[in-house]
Amino acid sequence: MPLAVAPGLLLLLLLASGTRGALVVSVPASPVRAQPGSDLLLGCHFSVGGAVDMQALVVQWKLGDRLVAEFDEVLSYPRAGARLFLDELRVGNASLLLPRVGGADAGLYTCSVIHSPSRESQQLELRVEAPPRVSVSGTVVRAGELSNVTCSVSHFYPKSVIVTWLRDKQVVGGPETPHAQLGPDGLYSATSILQLVPSISLADANYSCQVQHVALGAPIQELFRLSVLSPPSLTLQTVVTPEGLGALHVRVSGYYPPNITVDWLRDGEILPSMESLPTREPDGSFTLHSGYILDGPEPDTRVTFTCRVQHPALSTPLGQSITWKETNVISPDRTPKKEPEPSPHNPLVWKSLCLATWVLLGVALGCFVYWSYHHISMSPIRAWECWPKGGVTVLLCGVEGRLRDTDSLTWRNLRLGKVLGPGQPGELSALKPEQHHVVTWRRRLRLGRQQLMSVLTVQTPCDEESFSCTFRPSTRDMQQRQITIPGVAAGGPPLDGDTSVF
């Protein structure tokens, strides 16, 4: 006779049966990435539609066909260090802990869950990899010398990496697969070297070391520019005028980069000086002109002037020195004079002629001394252009004779009608338009005579400019000299006065 079942009890049995059969397993999206040596938790969760019956539960983790971990009433771990957590299994968490993962742990994992009578599994891929770090060294190079630029690729896994060198997006080296070395941290490192003979023109090029690796979604690049160094060369010149004025000029050329320091030293002490702005040459190097106007050392003094240059391409400063010596005393003629031989004929007449000759010579010498003592001469204005391309123009004006302490020389800009005032000896600096600098000094000569010298330094004008130098004695007539500078646009010598270019 068939067993009768109440309708309510039948519903409960059906619900219970349906609940136990609703097994669902879920894992994270693939691939899962982990770095070598790290601890990794591979996620796997399941749901049975109710409480988990541990007696009916079986969990297996496999890597390919190889068993990694299992729960079947008891826990077992064929892979050393692997862990499942019993308390987590009771709540539907079958995640697997893998400590210190390595290359052998990479692959396709399967998480299988049996909750009798249901069975379900999911797969996920584990990739053990580390993206590379890239750095570039050796970018400071010397123009014209063979140089090595190094691209260091480190902390990557797996082993293979591809390196390509680019200049302005054009390949100049590689692609290559450099030899990789395994480090104690389980990661690889490799280096690639770009050899080149740089020129200054390459300093503006954009270089990059491009690296490709499986851990990267796209190649990465380390951008850099070459720091090209070219040491300066010095050409030192000196001009000494008949009036005793000295001017020093140095041409510093062939250097790169443009940052440079040029100092003038007098017996080791730094002097204020003038210098032009750096100009760039066709080969990319720079040229600079610097000058110092000497302020007239005392007679018979010896001074050492040094031009010192400091630049990134120099390990020690570069310098050239000259010794400046001014000697105004002229040694008298030391040649022994012949005594007149006594004449055997008419000695009285001969003595009379000699006496008359000496009297005439004495009168002439007295007239010459008187004229020299009182005569005052003013020399024409002389001009020097210190460096090309409209830098600085130096004008020299001088007067010589028996001068008084109140006698003076005055400079005037004729176009502006402006008297140009004095400055301090040696205090010369870069001049702007409408600026000037005046240095005046006095020297004592023989026979009570003096020499009054004045130097006017101006920026070479763009257009024609006229200047005058006026001698204003205390009691005598005024003397004046004029000069016209044609300007940068004209490019010719001064229209009046003598010119020297140094």
Protein backbone atom coordinates (compact mmCIF):
# COMPACT_ATOMS: atom_id res chain seq x y z
CA MET A 1 0.00 0.00 0.00
CA PRO A 2 1.54 3.36 -0.99
CA LEU A 3 2.84 5.63 1.78
CA ALA A 4 0.72 8.70 2.18
CA VAL A 5 2.55 12.03 2.57
CA ALA A 6 0.91 15.14 3.84
CA PRO A 7 0.91 18.03 1.37
CA GLY A 8 2.80 20.38 3.77
CA LEU A 9 5.55 17.85 4.43
CA LEU A 10 5.98 17.21 0.71
CA LEU A 11 6.57 20.94 0.13
CA LEU A 12 9.27 21.07 2.80
CA LEU A 13 11.08 18.06 1.29
CA LEU A 14 11.03 19.63 -2.17
CA LEU A 15 12.40 22.94 -0.85
CA ALA A 16 15.16 21.19 1.02
CA SER A 17 16.14 19.15 -2.02
CA GLY A 18 16.11 22.22 -4.29
CA THR A 19 18.19 24.27 -1.83
CA ARG A 20 20.93 21.65 -1.56
CA GLY A 21 21.30 21.43 -5.33
CA ALA A 22 21.90 25.17 -5.91
CA LEU A 23 25.76 25.08 -5.86
CA VAL A 24 27.43 28.20 -7.29
CA VAL A 25 31.23 28.74 -7.50
CA SER A 26 32.87 32.09 -8.32
CA VAL A 27 36.49 33.22 -8.82
CA PRO A 28 38.11 36.61 -9.64
CA ALA A 29 38.58 37.79 -13.20
CA SER A 30 41.65 36.45 -14.99
CA PRO A 31 44.49 36.95 -15.16
CA VAL A 32 45.58 37.38 -11.57
CA ARG A 33 49.07 38.92 -11.30
CA ALA A 34 51.59 38.47 -8.54
CA GLN A 35 55.23 39.42 -8.16
CA PRO A 36 57.81 36.74 -7.42
CA GLY A 37 58.34 36.21 -3.71
CA SER A 38 55.00 37.69 -2.69
CA ASP A 39 52.20 35.95 -0.78
CA LEU A 40 49.04 35.51 -2.84
CA LEU A 41 45.48 34.61 -1.95
CA LEU A 42 43.64 33.02 -4.88
CA GLY A 43 39.96 33.72 -4.35
CA CYS A 44 37.25 31.06 -4.70
CA HIS A 45 33.79 31.34 -3.12
CA PHE A 46 30.84 28.97 -3.27
CA SER A 47 27.20 28.98 -2.22
CA VAL A 48 25.01 25.93 -1.56
CA GLY A 49 21.77 27.80 -0.93
CA GLY A 50 21.97 27.18 2.80
CA ALA A 51 24.28 25.88 5.48
CA VAL A 52 27.37 24.01 4.31
CA ASP A 53 27.39 20.31 5.23
CA MET A 54 31.06 19.65 5.91
CA GLN A 55 30.47 15.90 5.61
CA ALA A 56 29.23 16.39 2.03
CA LEU A 57 31.92 18.97 1.08
CA VAL A 58 35.00 18.32 -1.04
CA VAL A 59 37.28 21.18 -2.28
CA GLN A 60 40.17 20.76 -4.70
CA TRP A 61 42.69 23.22 -6.14
CA LYS A 62 44.67 22.12 -9.20
CA LEU A 63 47.36 23.76 -11.30
CA GLY A 64 46.80 22.14 -14.65
CA ASP A 65 46.53 18.46 -13.75
CA ARG A 66 48.64 18.80 -10.61
CA LEU A 67 46.88 18.85 -7.24
CA VAL A 68 47.84 21.83 -5.12
CA ALA A 69 45.49 21.63 -2.11
CA GLU A 70 42.45 19.55 -1.07
CA PHE A 71 39.78 19.26 1.58
CA ASP A 72 37.99 15.92 1.84
CA GLU A 73 37.08 15.62 5.50
CA VAL A 74 40.73 16.56 6.16
CA LEU A 75 43.10 19.14 4.68
CA SER A 76 46.07 18.13 2.51
CA TYR A 77 48.65 20.26 0.70
CA PRO A 78 50.78 18.71 -2.04
CA ARG A 79 52.19 22.19 -2.73
CA ALA A 80 54.41 23.14 0.17
CA GLY A 81 53.10 26.11 2.11
CA ALA A 82 49.64 26.17 0.49
CA ARG A 83 46.73 26.78 2.85
CA LEU A 84 42.94 26.38 2.97
CA PHE A 85 41.09 27.64 6.03
CA LEU A 86 38.60 25.32 7.70
CA ASP A 87 36.57 28.06 9.33
CA GLU A 88 36.27 29.84 5.99
CA LEU A 89 35.11 26.68 4.22
CA ARG A 90 32.12 26.52 6.58
CA VAL A 91 30.94 29.90 5.24
CA GLY A 92 31.64 29.22 1.56
CA ASN A 93 35.17 30.60 1.24
CA ALA A 94 37.54 28.16 -0.50
CA SER A 95 40.29 30.71 -1.22
CA LEU A 96 43.83 29.34 -1.48
CA LEU A 97 46.86 31.01 0.11
CA LEU A 98 50.13 30.58 -1.79
CA PRO A 99 53.15 31.95 0.08
CA ARG A 100 56.23 33.22 -1.81
CA VAL A 101 54.96 32.53 -5.29
CA GLY A 102 57.47 31.87 -8.03
CA GLY A 103 57.59 31.05 -11.69
CA ALA A 104 56.54 27.45 -11.00
CA ASP A 105 53.26 28.71 -9.54
CA ALA A 106 52.18 30.43 -12.75
CA GLY A 107 49.51 28.79 -14.88
CA LEU A 108 45.81 27.88 -15.08
CA TYR A 109 44.22 27.02 -11.74
CA THR A 110 40.94 25.13 -11.22
CA CYS A 111 38.85 25.53 -8.07
CA SER A 112 36.49 22.50 -7.79
CA VAL A 113 33.75 22.28 -5.15
CA ILE A 114 31.64 19.17 -4.46
CA HIS A 115 28.67 19.51 -2.16
CA SER A 116 27.02 16.17 -2.60
CA PRO A 117 25.32 15.55 -4.86
CA SER A 118 26.28 18.83 -6.68
CA ARG A 119 29.65 19.52 -8.31
CA GLU A 120 30.91 22.86 -9.74
CA SER A 121 34.30 24.32 -10.75
CA GLN A 122 35.83 27.57 -12.07
CA GLN A 123 39.22 28.41 -13.56
CA LEU A 124 41.53 31.41 -13.28
CA GLU A 125 44.99 32.19 -14.63
CA LEU A 126 47.87 33.22 -12.40
CA ARG A 127 50.69 35.23 -13.94
CA VAL A 128 53.82 35.63 -11.89
CA GLU A 129 55.45 38.74 -13.31
CA ALA A 130 56.90 42.11 -12.36
CA PRO A 131 57.03 45.16 -14.65
CA PRO A 132 60.52 46.57 -15.23
CA ARG A 133 61.93 49.79 -13.86
CA VAL A 134 64.01 51.83 -16.29
CA SER A 135 66.76 54.39 -15.65
CA VAL A 136 69.39 56.01 -17.88
CA SER A 137 72.89 57.07 -16.84
CA GLY A 138 75.98 58.40 -18.55
CA THR A 139 74.18 61.27 -20.26
CA VAL A 140 76.98 63.74 -19.46
CA VAL A 141 79.26 63.43 -22.50
CA ARG A 142 82.10 65.33 -24.13
CA ALA A 143 81.79 66.58 -27.67
CA GLY A 144 83.89 64.57 -30.12
CA GLU A 145 84.70 61.76 -27.68
CA LEU A 146 83.38 58.18 -27.76
CA SER A 147 80.73 57.91 -25.05
CA ASN A 148 78.56 55.17 -23.55
CA VAL A 149 75.00 55.86 -22.40
CA THR A 150 73.59 53.07 -20.21
CA CYS A 151 69.94 52.01 -19.93
CA SER A 152 69.39 49.97 -16.76
CA VAL A 153 66.30 47.71 -16.70
CA SER A 154 65.64 46.18 -13.29
CA HIS A 155 63.12 44.38 -11.04
CA PHE A 156 61.38 42.52 -13.86
CA TYR A 157 60.02 38.99 -14.24
CA PRO A 158 60.00 36.84 -16.33
CA LYS A 159 63.45 36.98 -17.82
CA SER A 160 63.02 38.26 -21.38
CA VAL A 161 63.07 42.00 -22.10
CA ILE A 162 63.54 43.99 -25.34
CA VAL A 163 65.39 47.34 -25.42
CA THR A 164 65.35 49.89 -28.26
CA TRP A 165 67.16 53.25 -28.43
CA LEU A 166 65.43 56.21 -30.10
CA ARG A 167 66.53 59.71 -31.08
CA ASP A 168 63.74 62.07 -32.06
CA LYS A 169 61.54 58.96 -32.46
CA GLN A 170 64.00 57.36 -34.89
CA VAL A 171 65.72 54.07 -33.99
CA VAL A 172 69.45 54.54 -33.36
CA GLY A 173 70.12 51.31 -31.44
CA GLY A 174 68.50 47.87 -31.12
CA PRO A 175 66.05 46.35 -30.72
CA GLU A 176 68.02 43.88 -28.62
CA THR A 177 67.39 41.35 -25.88
CA PRO A 178 70.17 42.00 -23.38
CA HIS A 179 71.44 39.29 -21.08
CA ALA A 180 69.40 39.29 -17.85
CA GLN A 181 70.73 38.35 -14.43
CA LEU A 182 68.63 36.94 -11.58
CA GLY A 183 68.92 38.82 -8.32
CA PRO A 184 68.52 37.59 -4.74
CA ASP A 185 64.96 38.94 -4.71
CA GLY A 186 63.95 36.62 -7.55
CA LEU A 187 63.77 39.48 -10.05
CA TYR A 188 65.86 40.04 -13.15
CA SER A 189 67.98 42.99 -14.27
CA ALA A 190 69.72 43.84 -17.54
CA THR A 191 71.64 46.70 -19.14
CA SER A 192 71.85 48.05 -22.68
CA ILE A 193 74.56 50.45 -23.88
CA LEU A 194 74.31 53.06 -26.63
CA GLN A 195 77.69 54.08 -28.04
CA LEU A 196 78.01 57.42 -29.81
CA VAL A 197 80.43 60.24 -30.59
CA PRO A 198 78.32 63.27 -29.66
CA SER A 199 78.42 66.70 -31.21
CA ILE A 200 77.04 69.89 -29.70
CA SER A 201 74.09 69.74 -32.10
CA LEU A 202 72.92 66.54 -30.38
CA ALA A 203 72.34 68.44 -27.14
CA ASP A 204 68.92 69.50 -28.42
CA ALA A 205 67.88 65.99 -29.51
CA ASN A 206 65.26 63.99 -27.59
CA TYR A 207 66.54 60.53 -26.72
CA SER A 208 64.69 57.63 -25.12
CA CYS A 209 65.33 54.08 -23.96
CA GLN A 210 62.26 52.01 -24.87
CA VAL A 211 61.56 48.75 -23.01
CA GLN A 212 59.10 45.98 -23.91
CA HIS A 213 58.08 43.26 -21.43
CA VAL A 214 55.16 40.86 -20.93
CA ALA A 215 54.24 42.59 -17.67
CA LEU A 216 53.62 45.85 -19.54
CA GLY A 217 50.48 46.67 -21.42
CA ALA A 218 52.55 48.88 -23.74
CA PRO A 219 56.27 49.68 -24.06
CA ILE A 220 57.63 52.21 -21.60
CA GLN A 221 60.21 54.89 -22.39
CA GLU A 222 62.76 56.73 -20.31
CA LEU A 223 63.27 60.13 -21.95
CA PHE A 224 66.51 62.07 -21.66
CA ARG A 225 68.75 64.61 -23.31
CA LEU A 226 72.50 64.53 -23.59
CA SER A 227 74.44 67.00 -21.48
CA VAL A 228 77.12 67.72 -24.06
CA LEU A 229 80.22 69.41 -22.69
CA SER A 230 82.73 71.27 -24.82
CA PRO A 231 85.59 72.99 -22.98
CA PRO A 232 86.44 76.61 -23.77
CA SER A 233 89.64 77.85 -25.37
CA LEU A 234 91.17 81.23 -24.55
CA THR A 235 92.80 83.81 -26.80
CA LEU A 236 94.27 86.58 -24.68
CA GLN A 237 95.42 89.84 -26.24
CA THR A 238 96.90 93.00 -24.82
CA VAL A 239 97.31 96.47 -26.34
CA VAL A 240 99.66 99.08 -24.95
CA THR A 241 99.24 102.58 -26.38
CA PRO A 242 102.07 105.11 -26.79
CA GLU A 243 100.38 107.09 -24.04
CA GLY A 244 100.81 104.16 -21.65
CA LEU A 245 97.22 102.91 -21.52
CA GLY A 246 96.80 99.16 -21.46
CA ALA A 247 93.72 97.15 -22.36
CA LEU A 248 93.27 93.40 -21.92
CA HIS A 249 90.90 91.38 -24.06
CA VAL A 250 90.11 87.67 -24.09
CA ARG A 251 88.10 85.66 -26.58
CA VAL A 252 86.54 82.59 -24.98
CA SER A 253 85.29 80.26 -27.70
CA GLY A 254 84.17 76.73 -28.52
CA TYR A 255 82.36 76.07 -25.24
CA TYR A 256 79.04 74.45 -24.42
CA PRO A 257 76.74 74.80 -22.47
CA PRO A 258 76.53 78.60 -22.38
CA ASN A 259 76.81 79.04 -18.61
CA ILE A 260 80.35 80.25 -17.94
CA THR A 261 82.20 82.48 -15.49
CA VAL A 262 85.02 84.77 -16.64
CA ASP A 263 87.04 86.64 -14.00
CA TRP A 264 89.94 89.05 -14.29
CA LEU A 265 92.44 88.98 -11.45
CA ARG A 266 95.20 91.40 -10.57
CA ASP A 267 97.83 89.69 -8.45
CA GLY A 268 95.14 87.25 -7.31
CA GLU A 269 92.41 89.81 -6.56
CA ILE A 270 89.22 89.74 -8.65
CA LEU A 271 88.63 92.87 -10.73
CA PRO A 272 85.40 94.32 -12.10
CA SER A 273 85.33 93.78 -15.84
CA MET A 274 83.22 94.04 -18.97
CA GLU A 275 81.96 91.19 -21.07
CA SER A 276 79.69 90.71 -24.05
CA LEU A 277 76.70 88.43 -24.22
CA PRO A 278 77.49 84.90 -25.45
CA THR A 279 76.95 84.40 -29.17
CA ARG A 280 76.16 81.02 -30.70
CA GLU A 281 78.35 79.80 -33.53
CA PRO A 282 77.17 77.68 -36.50
CA ASP A 283 78.49 74.50 -34.85
CA GLY A 284 76.37 75.19 -31.76
CA SER A 285 79.23 76.31 -29.51
CA PHE A 286 79.34 79.69 -27.80
CA THR A 287 81.79 82.58 -27.94
CA LEU A 288 82.24 85.30 -25.34
CA HIS A 289 84.44 88.40 -25.24
CA SER A 290 85.63 89.96 -22.01
CA GLY A 291 87.88 92.93 -21.38
CA TYR A 292 89.54 95.00 -18.70
CA ILE A 293 90.82 98.55 -19.14
CA LEU A 294 94.04 99.12 -17.20
CA ASP A 295 94.02 102.22 -15.05
CA GLY A 296 97.69 103.08 -15.46
CA PRO A 297 100.04 101.49 -12.91
CA GLU A 298 102.82 103.54 -11.40
CA PRO A 299 106.13 103.68 -13.27
CA ASP A 300 108.47 100.73 -12.83
CA THR A 301 105.76 98.52 -11.31
CA ARG A 302 105.13 94.95 -12.37
CA VAL A 303 101.60 93.54 -12.13
CA THR A 304 100.31 90.11 -13.15
CA PHE A 305 96.86 90.00 -14.72
CA THR A 306 95.07 86.66 -15.07
CA CYS A 307 91.94 85.76 -17.01
CA ARG A 308 90.28 82.83 -15.22
CA VAL A 309 87.47 80.80 -16.79
CA GLN A 310 85.21 78.33 -14.98
CA HIS A 311 82.93 76.03 -16.97
CA PRO A 312 81.15 72.68 -16.42
CA ALA A 313 83.46 71.05 -19.00
CA LEU A 314 86.52 71.96 -16.91
CA SER A 315 87.56 69.98 -13.85
CA THR A 316 89.73 72.91 -12.78
CA PRO A 317 89.54 76.57 -13.85
CA LEU A 318 91.33 77.51 -17.06
CA GLY A 319 93.50 80.60 -16.99
CA GLN A 320 96.04 82.67 -18.88
CA SER A 321 98.26 85.34 -17.35
CA ILE A 322 100.29 88.28 -18.57
CA THR A 323 102.66 90.59 -16.75
CA TRP A 324 102.08 94.30 -17.25
CA LYS A 325 105.04 96.58 -16.76
CA GLU A 326 105.15 100.29 -17.47
CA THR A 327 108.48 102.07 -17.60
CA ASN A 328 108.52 105.80 -18.28
CA VAL A 329 112.13 106.61 -17.41
CA ILE A 330 114.42 106.64 -20.41
CA SER A 331 118.03 105.90 -19.58
CA PRO A 332 120.42 108.61 -20.79
CA ASP A 333 123.01 107.80 -23.38
CA ARG A 334 125.95 106.19 -21.60
CA THR A 335 128.24 106.14 -24.65
CA PRO A 336 131.59 107.71 -23.72
CA LYS A 337 132.12 110.98 -25.47
CA LYS A 338 135.33 111.59 -27.33
CA GLU A 339 137.39 114.49 -26.10
CA PRO A 340 138.53 116.77 -28.91
CA GLU A 341 142.07 116.05 -29.85
CA PRO A 342 144.34 119.02 -29.37
CA SER A 343 145.28 120.54 -32.66
CA PRO A 344 148.88 121.23 -33.31
CA HIS A 345 147.90 124.26 -35.39
CA ASN A 346 146.81 127.56 -33.82
CA PRO A 347 145.39 126.37 -30.48
CA LEU A 348 143.98 129.79 -29.58
CA VAL A 349 141.73 129.95 -32.65
CA TRP A 350 140.61 126.42 -32.09
CA LYS A 351 139.65 127.11 -28.48
CA SER A 352 137.69 130.19 -29.52
CA LEU A 353 135.69 128.19 -32.06
CA CYS A 354 134.88 125.54 -29.48
CA LEU A 355 133.78 128.14 -26.97
CA ALA A 356 131.48 129.80 -29.51
CA THR A 357 130.00 126.44 -30.44
CA TRP A 358 129.23 125.62 -26.81
CA VAL A 359 127.62 129.01 -26.28
CA LEU A 360 125.34 128.50 -29.28
CA LEU A 361 124.44 125.00 -28.12
CA GLY A 362 123.67 126.33 -24.66
CA VAL A 363 121.38 129.01 -26.04
CA ALA A 364 119.57 126.46 -28.25
CA LEU A 365 119.23 124.03 -25.37
CA GLY A 366 117.90 126.77 -23.13
CA CYS A 367 115.30 127.72 -25.73
CA PHE A 368 114.30 124.08 -26.15
CA VAL A 369 114.03 123.57 -22.40
CA TYR A 370 111.98 126.74 -22.03
CA TRP A 371 109.68 125.64 -24.87
CA SER A 372 109.37 122.11 -23.52
CA TYR A 373 108.78 123.44 -20.05
CA HIS A 374 105.91 125.67 -21.05
CA HIS A 375 104.47 123.97 -24.16
CA ILE A 376 101.29 121.93 -23.70
CA SER A 377 100.31 119.45 -26.41
CA MET A 378 96.99 117.65 -26.76
CA SER A 379 96.95 114.41 -28.72
CA PRO A 380 94.11 113.40 -31.09
CA ILE A 381 91.42 111.18 -29.65
CA ARG A 382 92.17 107.52 -30.23
CA ALA A 383 89.51 104.81 -30.31
CA TRP A 384 89.45 101.08 -29.62
CA GLU A 385 86.58 98.72 -30.23
CA CYS A 386 86.86 96.07 -27.54
CA TRP A 387 84.95 93.34 -29.37
CA PRO A 388 82.91 92.93 -32.54
CA LYS A 389 79.18 93.20 -33.10
CA GLY A 390 78.72 96.52 -31.33
CA GLY A 391 80.15 95.81 -27.91
CA VAL A 392 82.15 98.52 -26.18
CA THR A 393 84.11 101.41 -27.65
CA VAL A 394 87.01 102.94 -25.71
CA LEU A 395 88.13 106.52 -26.44
CA LEU A 396 91.50 107.87 -25.21
CA CYS A 397 92.30 111.55 -24.82
CA GLY A 398 95.60 112.93 -23.47
CA VAL A 399 97.44 116.15 -22.83
CA GLU A 400 101.10 116.64 -21.90
CA GLY A 401 103.07 119.62 -20.60
CA ARG A 402 103.60 121.70 -17.49
CA LEU A 403 100.19 121.19 -15.95
CA ARG A 404 98.59 122.49 -12.81
CA ASP A 405 96.65 120.34 -10.38
CA THR A 406 93.46 122.20 -11.30
CA ASP A 407 93.80 121.45 -15.03
CA SER A 408 91.21 118.94 -16.27
CA LEU A 409 89.89 116.97 -19.23
CA THR A 410 86.16 116.89 -19.90
CA TRP A 411 84.18 114.53 -22.14
CA ARG A 412 80.97 115.59 -23.82
CA ASN A 413 78.36 113.81 -25.95
CA LEU A 414 77.83 116.35 -28.71
CA ARG A 415 74.48 114.96 -29.85
CA LEU A 416 73.02 115.11 -26.36
CA GLY A 417 75.00 118.20 -25.29
CA LYS A 418 75.78 116.29 -22.12
CA VAL A 419 78.95 116.35 -20.05
CA LEU A 420 80.02 112.82 -19.18
CA GLY A 421 81.09 112.60 -15.57
CA PRO A 422 83.99 110.69 -14.03
CA GLY A 423 84.07 107.21 -12.55
CA GLN A 424 86.45 105.18 -10.41
CA PRO A 425 89.56 103.59 -11.97
CA GLY A 426 88.97 100.02 -13.03
CA GLU A 427 85.29 99.97 -12.13
CA LEU A 428 84.05 98.87 -15.54
CA SER A 429 80.91 96.84 -16.06
CA ALA A 430 78.55 95.86 -18.86
CA LEU A 431 77.14 99.08 -20.30
CA LYS A 432 73.64 99.79 -21.51
CA PRO A 433 72.70 102.42 -24.11
CA GLU A 434 73.24 105.97 -22.86
CA GLN A 435 75.59 104.69 -20.14
CA HIS A 436 79.27 105.58 -20.00
CA HIS A 437 82.35 105.28 -17.86
CA VAL A 438 85.21 107.76 -17.46
CA VAL A 439 88.64 107.06 -15.97
CA THR A 440 91.14 109.93 -15.61
CA TRP A 441 94.64 109.81 -14.17
CA ARG A 442 97.81 111.87 -14.01
CA ARG A 443 101.47 110.87 -14.37
CA ARG A 444 104.58 112.87 -13.65
CA LEU A 445 107.25 113.08 -16.34
CA ARG A 446 110.73 114.60 -16.43
CA LEU A 447 111.57 118.29 -16.21
CA GLY A 448 108.45 119.02 -14.17
CA ARG A 449 106.10 117.99 -16.94
CA GLN A 450 102.96 115.90 -16.42
CA GLN A 451 100.69 113.77 -18.53
CA LEU A 452 96.92 113.90 -18.01
CA MET A 453 95.06 110.94 -19.54
CA SER A 454 91.32 110.22 -19.72
CA VAL A 455 89.48 107.16 -21.04
CA LEU A 456 85.80 107.22 -22.00
CA THR A 457 84.10 103.83 -22.36
CA VAL A 458 80.68 103.72 -24.04
CA GLN A 459 78.51 101.08 -25.62
CA THR A 460 79.11 101.17 -29.36
CA PRO A 461 76.06 103.10 -30.63
CA CYS A 462 73.70 101.85 -33.29
CA ASP A 463 73.90 105.15 -35.15
CA GLU A 464 76.59 107.77 -35.62
CA GLU A 465 77.64 109.47 -32.38
CA SER A 466 80.08 112.35 -31.76
CA PHE A 467 82.15 113.06 -28.67
CA SER A 468 84.55 115.82 -27.65
CA CYS A 469 87.42 115.93 -25.19
CA THR A 470 88.21 119.40 -23.84
CA PHE A 471 91.33 120.48 -21.97
CA ARG A 472 90.53 123.28 -19.55
CA PRO A 473 93.71 124.85 -18.14
CA SER A 474 93.54 127.30 -15.29
CA THR A 475 95.12 130.25 -17.07
CA ARG A 476 95.70 129.21 -20.69
CA ASP A 477 93.56 128.83 -23.76
CA MET A 478 91.21 125.86 -23.94
CA GLN A 479 92.04 123.02 -26.35
CA GLN A 480 89.51 120.55 -27.72
CA ARG A 481 89.50 117.37 -29.79
CA GLN A 482 86.49 115.65 -31.38
CA ILE A 483 85.73 112.21 -32.74
CA THR A 484 82.71 110.65 -34.47
CA ILE A 485 81.83 106.97 -34.03
CA PRO A 486 79.98 105.64 -37.10
CA GLY A 487 77.92 103.11 -35.11
CA VAL A 488 77.19 99.42 -35.52
CA ALA A 489 75.01 99.86 -38.61
CA ALA A 490 77.77 101.66 -40.51
CA GLY A 491 80.40 99.14 -39.50
CA GLY A 492 83.32 101.47 -40.32
CA PRO A 493 86.12 103.05 -38.29
CA PRO A 494 85.70 106.35 -36.40
CA LEU A 495 85.59 109.33 -38.74
CA ASP A 496 88.23 111.17 -36.72
CA GLY A 497 91.07 109.81 -34.63
CA ASP A 498 93.13 106.64 -34.78
CA THR A 499 91.60 103.19 -34.43
CA SER A 500 92.89 99.89 -33.10
CA VAL A 501 90.77 96.75 -32.89
CA PHE A 502 91.72 94.06 -30.39
